[in-house]
N, C-alpha and C. Protein backbone atom coordinates (compact mmCIF):
# COMPACT_ATOMS: atom_id res chain seq x y z
N MET A 1 -94.92 -193.23 -19.83
CA MET A 1 -94.87 -194.58 -20.11
C MET A 1 -94.18 -195.29 -18.99
N SER A 2 -94.65 -196.41 -18.77
CA SER A 2 -94.18 -197.36 -17.71
C SER A 2 -93.31 -198.49 -18.36
N LEU A 3 -92.07 -198.66 -18.00
CA LEU A 3 -91.33 -199.68 -18.62
C LEU A 3 -90.24 -200.35 -17.70
N ASN A 4 -89.70 -201.39 -18.17
CA ASN A 4 -88.60 -202.12 -17.39
C ASN A 4 -87.45 -201.96 -18.43
N LEU A 5 -86.26 -201.55 -17.83
CA LEU A 5 -85.07 -201.51 -18.68
C LEU A 5 -84.10 -202.46 -17.98
N THR A 6 -83.29 -203.10 -18.83
CA THR A 6 -82.33 -204.18 -18.50
C THR A 6 -81.03 -203.92 -19.17
N VAL A 7 -79.92 -203.83 -18.53
CA VAL A 7 -78.66 -203.62 -19.14
C VAL A 7 -77.99 -204.94 -19.10
N VAL A 8 -77.46 -205.40 -20.21
CA VAL A 8 -76.76 -206.71 -20.22
C VAL A 8 -75.23 -206.71 -20.77
N SER A 9 -74.45 -207.08 -19.93
CA SER A 9 -73.06 -207.19 -20.10
C SER A 9 -72.48 -205.86 -20.73
N PRO A 10 -72.44 -204.82 -19.97
CA PRO A 10 -71.73 -203.64 -20.39
C PRO A 10 -70.41 -203.71 -20.34
N ARG A 11 -69.73 -203.12 -21.33
CA ARG A 11 -68.28 -203.25 -21.31
C ARG A 11 -67.55 -202.36 -20.27
N ALA A 12 -68.31 -201.46 -19.94
CA ALA A 12 -67.67 -200.45 -18.84
C ALA A 12 -68.70 -199.92 -17.88
N ALA A 13 -68.29 -199.57 -16.72
CA ALA A 13 -69.24 -199.08 -15.66
C ALA A 13 -69.87 -197.79 -16.21
N GLY A 14 -71.02 -197.46 -15.80
CA GLY A 14 -71.66 -196.29 -16.27
C GLY A 14 -73.15 -196.15 -15.69
N SER A 15 -73.93 -195.38 -16.38
CA SER A 15 -75.30 -195.15 -16.13
C SER A 15 -76.15 -194.92 -17.38
N LEU A 16 -77.41 -195.02 -17.24
CA LEU A 16 -78.27 -194.76 -18.34
C LEU A 16 -79.30 -193.72 -17.90
N ALA A 17 -79.61 -192.84 -18.83
CA ALA A 17 -80.65 -191.85 -18.46
C ALA A 17 -81.79 -191.91 -19.59
N LEU A 18 -82.94 -192.00 -19.15
CA LEU A 18 -84.09 -192.06 -20.06
C LEU A 18 -84.79 -190.75 -19.94
N TYR A 19 -85.29 -190.19 -21.11
CA TYR A 19 -86.02 -188.94 -21.07
C TYR A 19 -86.92 -188.84 -22.27
N GLU A 20 -87.75 -187.79 -22.33
CA GLU A 20 -88.73 -187.63 -23.28
C GLU A 20 -88.02 -187.41 -24.60
N GLY A 21 -88.59 -188.17 -25.66
CA GLY A 21 -87.99 -188.06 -27.02
C GLY A 21 -88.25 -186.63 -27.55
N GLY A 22 -87.28 -186.14 -28.24
CA GLY A 22 -87.41 -184.82 -28.83
C GLY A 22 -86.90 -183.59 -27.88
N THR A 23 -86.52 -183.98 -26.72
CA THR A 23 -86.03 -183.00 -25.81
C THR A 23 -84.60 -183.24 -25.48
N GLY A 24 -83.99 -182.41 -24.76
CA GLY A 24 -82.61 -182.46 -24.38
C GLY A 24 -82.43 -183.49 -23.27
N ALA A 25 -81.19 -184.10 -23.38
CA ALA A 25 -80.92 -185.26 -22.32
C ALA A 25 -80.97 -184.63 -20.92
N THR A 26 -81.47 -185.45 -20.06
CA THR A 26 -81.49 -185.06 -18.56
C THR A 26 -80.18 -185.52 -17.90
N ASN A 27 -79.94 -184.96 -16.65
CA ASN A 27 -78.83 -185.32 -15.93
C ASN A 27 -79.30 -186.34 -14.93
N ALA A 28 -80.57 -186.71 -14.81
CA ALA A 28 -81.01 -187.76 -13.88
C ALA A 28 -80.62 -189.05 -14.49
N THR A 29 -80.23 -190.01 -13.45
CA THR A 29 -79.85 -191.25 -13.81
C THR A 29 -81.04 -192.23 -13.65
N SER A 30 -81.32 -193.11 -14.60
CA SER A 30 -82.36 -194.14 -14.43
C SER A 30 -81.79 -195.33 -13.94
N MET A 31 -80.44 -195.73 -14.21
CA MET A 31 -79.81 -196.86 -13.67
C MET A 31 -78.26 -196.74 -13.75
N SER A 32 -77.66 -197.17 -12.63
CA SER A 32 -76.18 -197.24 -12.71
C SER A 32 -75.81 -198.73 -12.77
N PHE A 33 -74.66 -198.99 -13.28
CA PHE A 33 -74.17 -200.39 -13.48
C PHE A 33 -72.61 -200.47 -13.48
N GLY A 34 -72.19 -201.65 -13.20
CA GLY A 34 -70.75 -201.88 -13.28
C GLY A 34 -70.41 -202.76 -14.52
N ALA A 35 -69.14 -202.80 -14.93
CA ALA A 35 -68.78 -203.49 -16.01
C ALA A 35 -69.12 -204.93 -15.89
N GLY A 36 -69.74 -205.46 -16.96
CA GLY A 36 -70.08 -206.99 -17.02
C GLY A 36 -71.34 -207.24 -16.25
N GLN A 37 -71.96 -206.38 -15.48
CA GLN A 37 -73.19 -206.62 -14.63
C GLN A 37 -74.36 -206.60 -15.61
N THR A 38 -75.35 -207.50 -15.29
CA THR A 38 -76.63 -207.42 -15.88
C THR A 38 -77.59 -207.01 -14.77
N ARG A 39 -78.17 -205.74 -15.05
CA ARG A 39 -79.10 -205.08 -13.96
C ARG A 39 -80.30 -204.70 -14.74
N ALA A 40 -81.39 -204.67 -13.91
CA ALA A 40 -82.79 -204.24 -14.31
C ALA A 40 -83.34 -203.21 -13.35
N ASN A 41 -84.23 -202.49 -13.91
CA ASN A 41 -84.92 -201.36 -13.11
C ASN A 41 -86.17 -201.01 -13.75
N ASN A 42 -87.18 -200.45 -12.99
CA ASN A 42 -88.34 -199.87 -13.56
C ASN A 42 -88.17 -198.42 -13.72
N ALA A 43 -88.91 -197.76 -14.62
CA ALA A 43 -88.93 -196.40 -15.01
C ALA A 43 -90.28 -195.92 -15.48
N HIS A 44 -90.42 -194.56 -15.31
CA HIS A 44 -91.48 -193.96 -15.89
C HIS A 44 -90.89 -192.79 -16.72
N VAL A 45 -91.25 -192.58 -17.99
CA VAL A 45 -90.79 -191.60 -18.76
C VAL A 45 -91.95 -190.91 -19.64
N ALA A 46 -91.87 -189.67 -19.93
CA ALA A 46 -92.98 -189.05 -20.74
C ALA A 46 -92.82 -189.41 -22.22
N LEU A 47 -93.93 -189.62 -22.81
CA LEU A 47 -93.84 -189.77 -24.25
C LEU A 47 -93.53 -188.38 -24.97
N SER A 48 -93.01 -188.39 -26.10
CA SER A 48 -92.68 -187.20 -26.78
C SER A 48 -93.98 -186.37 -27.10
N ALA A 49 -93.78 -185.15 -27.19
CA ALA A 49 -94.94 -184.15 -27.32
C ALA A 49 -95.64 -184.45 -28.65
N ASP A 50 -94.96 -184.83 -29.71
CA ASP A 50 -95.59 -185.14 -31.00
C ASP A 50 -96.25 -186.50 -31.13
N GLY A 51 -95.97 -187.36 -30.12
CA GLY A 51 -96.47 -188.62 -30.06
C GLY A 51 -95.76 -189.64 -30.92
N MET A 52 -94.70 -189.23 -31.70
CA MET A 52 -94.09 -190.04 -32.59
C MET A 52 -92.84 -190.79 -32.01
N GLY A 53 -92.24 -190.14 -31.15
CA GLY A 53 -90.98 -190.80 -30.41
C GLY A 53 -91.41 -191.22 -29.05
N LEU A 54 -90.98 -192.48 -28.69
CA LEU A 54 -91.47 -192.80 -27.30
C LEU A 54 -90.51 -192.16 -26.24
N ALA A 55 -89.22 -192.49 -26.36
CA ALA A 55 -88.27 -192.10 -25.29
C ALA A 55 -86.95 -192.02 -25.92
N ALA A 56 -86.07 -191.34 -25.28
CA ALA A 56 -84.68 -191.44 -25.69
C ALA A 56 -83.78 -192.03 -24.57
N VAL A 57 -82.69 -192.44 -24.89
CA VAL A 57 -81.75 -193.18 -23.85
C VAL A 57 -80.41 -192.55 -24.11
N ARG A 58 -79.82 -192.09 -23.03
CA ARG A 58 -78.35 -191.70 -23.05
C ARG A 58 -77.44 -192.66 -22.36
N ASN A 59 -76.47 -193.14 -22.98
CA ASN A 59 -75.54 -194.15 -22.42
C ASN A 59 -74.40 -193.42 -21.79
N GLY A 60 -74.40 -193.34 -20.44
CA GLY A 60 -73.26 -192.58 -19.72
C GLY A 60 -72.13 -193.37 -19.56
N SER A 61 -71.83 -194.38 -20.08
CA SER A 61 -70.67 -195.16 -19.97
C SER A 61 -69.67 -195.00 -21.17
N ASN A 62 -68.34 -195.45 -21.06
CA ASN A 62 -67.48 -195.27 -22.06
C ASN A 62 -67.39 -196.58 -22.91
N GLY A 63 -68.35 -197.45 -22.71
CA GLY A 63 -68.42 -198.68 -23.44
C GLY A 63 -69.70 -199.08 -24.14
N SER A 64 -69.73 -200.01 -24.85
CA SER A 64 -71.00 -200.56 -25.47
C SER A 64 -71.79 -201.37 -24.44
N LEU A 65 -73.07 -201.62 -24.74
CA LEU A 65 -73.90 -202.45 -23.94
C LEU A 65 -75.05 -202.97 -24.73
N ASP A 66 -75.73 -203.98 -24.18
CA ASP A 66 -77.06 -204.34 -24.85
C ASP A 66 -78.08 -203.82 -23.80
N LEU A 67 -79.17 -203.33 -24.42
CA LEU A 67 -80.25 -202.79 -23.58
C LEU A 67 -81.48 -203.43 -24.06
N VAL A 68 -82.36 -203.83 -22.99
CA VAL A 68 -83.63 -204.41 -23.34
C VAL A 68 -84.56 -203.53 -22.61
N LEU A 69 -85.66 -203.07 -23.46
CA LEU A 69 -86.79 -202.15 -22.89
C LEU A 69 -88.06 -202.94 -23.06
N ASP A 70 -88.66 -203.18 -21.96
CA ASP A 70 -90.10 -203.79 -21.97
C ASP A 70 -90.98 -202.75 -21.52
N VAL A 71 -91.90 -202.34 -22.48
CA VAL A 71 -93.02 -201.32 -22.23
C VAL A 71 -94.20 -201.99 -21.57
N ASN A 72 -94.47 -201.54 -20.33
CA ASN A 72 -95.69 -202.17 -19.60
C ASN A 72 -97.00 -201.41 -19.98
N GLY A 73 -96.86 -200.20 -20.26
CA GLY A 73 -98.10 -199.46 -20.67
C GLY A 73 -97.80 -197.89 -20.62
N TYR A 74 -98.87 -197.05 -21.04
CA TYR A 74 -98.72 -195.66 -21.07
C TYR A 74 -99.88 -195.09 -20.58
N TYR A 75 -99.74 -193.82 -20.27
CA TYR A 75 -101.00 -193.05 -19.73
C TYR A 75 -101.03 -191.75 -20.55
N GLU A 76 -102.19 -191.21 -20.63
CA GLU A 76 -102.50 -189.95 -21.40
C GLU A 76 -102.61 -188.81 -20.46
């Protein structure tokens, strides 16, 4: 799946990891950010094997944040 992800006003510095739904979290970082920064990035992530879950997100910061995901499309 192709998507844009945007982090809005995170309370602490950190990173996000996107990975295939239904699998274990990856150590790869999709985006890093500082406290209070609004940042955007493009990403590609596999759909879950059962087709029911799109993707999973791991918040690697110690604070809360707002996350916007815009799906551009998917491939089979």
